Protein backbone atom coordinates (compact mmCIF):
# COMPACT_ATOMS: atom_id res chain seq x y z
CA MET A 1 0.13 -0.04 -0.30
CA THR A 2 1.54 3.33 -0.85
CA THR A 3 0.51 6.63 0.52
CA GLU A 4 -0.82 9.38 -1.55
CA SER A 5 1.64 12.63 -1.81
CA LYS A 6 1.28 15.84 -0.52
CA GLN A 7 0.81 18.64 -2.80
CA VAL A 8 3.05 21.27 -2.90
CA PRO A 9 1.55 24.63 -1.68
CA ARG A 10 1.90 27.03 -4.25
CA ILE A 11 4.67 29.87 -3.99
CA GLY A 12 2.99 32.44 -6.29
CA GLY A 13 1.16 34.41 -3.40
CA SER A 14 4.79 35.08 -1.25
CA LEU A 15 6.71 36.06 -4.07
CA LEU A 16 3.66 38.44 -5.34
CA LEU A 17 3.90 39.89 -1.70
CA GLY A 18 7.44 40.01 -1.24
CA ALA A 19 8.38 41.72 -4.50
CA ALA A 20 5.26 44.38 -3.95
CA VAL A 21 6.99 45.27 -0.42
CA PHE A 22 10.64 45.55 -1.97
CA ALA A 23 9.13 47.61 -4.55
CA LEU A 24 7.36 49.60 -2.02
CA LEU A 25 10.19 50.15 0.20
CA LEU A 26 11.75 51.86 -2.23
CA GLY A 27 9.05 53.49 -3.81
CA VAL A 28 8.92 55.23 -0.07
CA LEU A 29 12.60 56.16 -0.42
CA MET A 30 12.08 57.47 -3.54
CA VAL A 31 9.03 59.56 -1.73
CA VAL A 32 11.18 60.91 0.59
CA LEU A 33 14.36 61.68 -1.67
CA GLY A 34 11.72 63.38 -4.33
CA ALA A 35 10.47 65.49 -1.21
CA LEU A 36 13.81 66.53 -0.12
CA LEU A 37 15.28 67.45 -3.28
CA GLY A 38 12.25 68.58 -5.68
CA GLY A 39 9.23 69.64 -3.51
CA SER A 40 5.93 68.25 -3.00
CA ALA A 41 5.31 67.95 -6.97
CA ALA A 42 8.16 65.44 -7.20
CA ALA A 43 6.99 63.85 -4.01
CA TYR A 44 3.72 63.36 -5.49
CA GLY A 45 5.35 62.01 -8.77
CA ALA A 46 7.42 59.59 -7.02
CA LEU A 47 4.36 58.10 -5.23
CA THR A 48 2.24 58.01 -8.33
CA GLY A 49 5.25 56.17 -10.03
CA THR A 50 5.63 53.80 -7.43
CA LEU A 51 1.78 52.95 -6.88
CA LEU A 52 1.34 52.47 -10.83
CA ALA A 53 4.01 49.96 -10.92
CA VAL A 54 3.14 48.21 -8.21
CA VAL A 55 -0.34 47.71 -9.31
CA VAL A 56 0.35 47.15 -12.62
CA LEU A 57 3.24 44.67 -12.01
CA GLY A 58 0.97 42.81 -9.01
CA LEU A 59 -2.05 42.57 -11.39
CA GLY A 60 0.23 41.09 -14.26
CA THR A 61 1.71 38.61 -11.27
CA PHE A 62 -1.35 37.58 -9.79
CA THR A 63 -3.20 36.82 -13.21
CA VAL A 64 -0.33 34.70 -14.42
CA ASP A 65 -0.07 32.84 -11.06
CA ALA A 66 -3.98 31.97 -11.13
CA VAL A 67 -3.70 31.02 -14.56
CA ALA A 68 -0.65 28.62 -13.92
CA GLY A 69 -3.03 26.84 -10.90
CA LEU A 70 -5.57 26.55 -13.07
CA MET A 71 -4.09 25.57 -16.52
CA PRO A 72 -0.35 25.18 -16.40
CA SER A 73 -0.34 24.40 -20.06
CA ALA A 74 -1.83 27.96 -20.81
CA SER A 75 0.35 29.65 -18.44
CA LEU A 76 3.45 30.68 -21.02
CA LEU A 77 0.98 32.31 -23.46
CA VAL A 78 -1.11 34.24 -20.74
CA ALA A 79 2.60 35.48 -19.42
CA LEU A 80 3.61 36.65 -22.56
CA LEU A 81 0.23 38.50 -23.16
CA THR A 82 0.25 39.90 -19.61
CA TYR A 83 3.40 41.33 -20.59
CA VAL A 84 2.46 43.27 -23.44
CA LEU A 85 -0.66 44.29 -21.49
CA GLN A 86 1.30 45.76 -18.74
CA VAL A 87 3.81 47.79 -21.36
CA VAL A 88 -0.04 48.87 -22.81
CA LEU A 89 -1.38 49.87 -19.67
CA LEU A 90 1.52 51.60 -18.49
CA ALA A 91 1.98 53.99 -21.53
CA VAL A 92 -2.42 54.35 -21.22
CA ALA A 93 -1.45 55.63 -17.49
CA PHE A 94 1.10 58.04 -18.80
CA GLY A 95 -1.11 59.02 -21.84
CA VAL A 96 -3.97 59.89 -19.28
CA LEU A 97 -1.42 61.64 -16.76
CA THR A 98 -0.19 64.09 -19.80
CA SER A 99 -3.78 64.80 -21.25
CA SER A 100 -5.23 65.35 -18.10
CA GLY A 101 -2.69 68.43 -17.17
CA LEU A 102 -1.42 66.76 -13.89
CA LEU A 103 2.25 66.75 -15.36
CA ASP A 104 4.16 69.39 -14.48
CA ASP A 105 2.07 70.89 -12.14
CA THR A 106 0.83 68.61 -9.48
CA LEU A 107 3.08 65.37 -10.58
CA ASP A 108 7.11 66.21 -11.70
CA ARG A 109 7.06 64.06 -14.87
CA ARG A 110 11.02 63.16 -14.01
CA TRP A 111 10.32 61.70 -10.47
CA LEU A 112 7.41 60.15 -12.01
CA ALA A 113 9.41 57.89 -14.73
CA ALA A 114 12.30 57.67 -11.88
CA ALA A 115 9.87 55.63 -9.67
CA VAL A 116 8.38 53.84 -12.58
CA ILE A 117 11.48 52.73 -13.45
CA VAL A 118 12.86 51.65 -9.83
CA GLY A 119 9.86 50.06 -8.91
CA VAL A 120 9.75 47.73 -11.83
CA LEU A 121 13.56 47.06 -11.55
CA ALA A 122 12.98 46.39 -7.55
CA TRP A 123 10.26 44.16 -8.53
CA LEU A 124 12.01 42.38 -10.66
CA VAL A 125 14.93 41.84 -8.72
CA ALA A 126 13.01 40.74 -5.56
CA GLN A 127 10.96 38.13 -7.74
CA ILE A 128 14.42 36.82 -9.40
CA ARG A 129 15.92 36.31 -5.98
CA LEU A 130 12.61 35.15 -4.00
CA THR A 131 12.23 32.62 -6.94
CA THR A 132 15.44 31.21 -6.77
CA LYS A 133 15.42 31.29 -3.23
CA ALA A 134 12.43 29.25 -2.95
CA ARG A 135 12.48 25.46 -2.42
CA ILE A 136 10.40 24.24 -5.49
CA PRO A 137 10.59 20.25 -5.70
CA VAL A 138 11.56 19.33 -9.57
CA TYR A 139 9.94 15.93 -9.31
CA ASP A 140 7.68 14.29 -6.62
CA LEU A 141 9.77 10.99 -5.35
CA THR A 142 6.66 9.19 -4.40
CA LYS A 143 4.62 9.21 -7.46
CA ALA A 144 7.92 7.81 -8.82
CA SER A 145 8.57 5.08 -6.72
CA ALA A 146 4.70 3.72 -6.19
CA ARG A 147 4.88 2.60 -10.07
């Protein structure tokens, strides 16, 4: 008699949370630097850029993780489509901010762009670091030995 193997818990949620926390921490640093070096418009620009990066990347990562749990065979296609949609969503957000007149009046354009870049890079570094440190089994020994 063999025992059933345990389902390995998914780690997508912890990766999402860890990457978001790291990006938000660097975003807070950007907001403080913006307030000190460029005033309130720079601080608001850095805050908006950080939140924009975290929300867009968070929605994309959550979507890919959900699809990977439901249909693993479609996860690569969804990941590629999600990447394209994230780029489009950021472009639309910048277009809306530009046409609304908020840029350069309320929000500093340079600090907003810098915060988006720092947020995306921080997210990627944290996600790569957390993924490489995660203990993800390559194969299941109990299923192989049950044959």
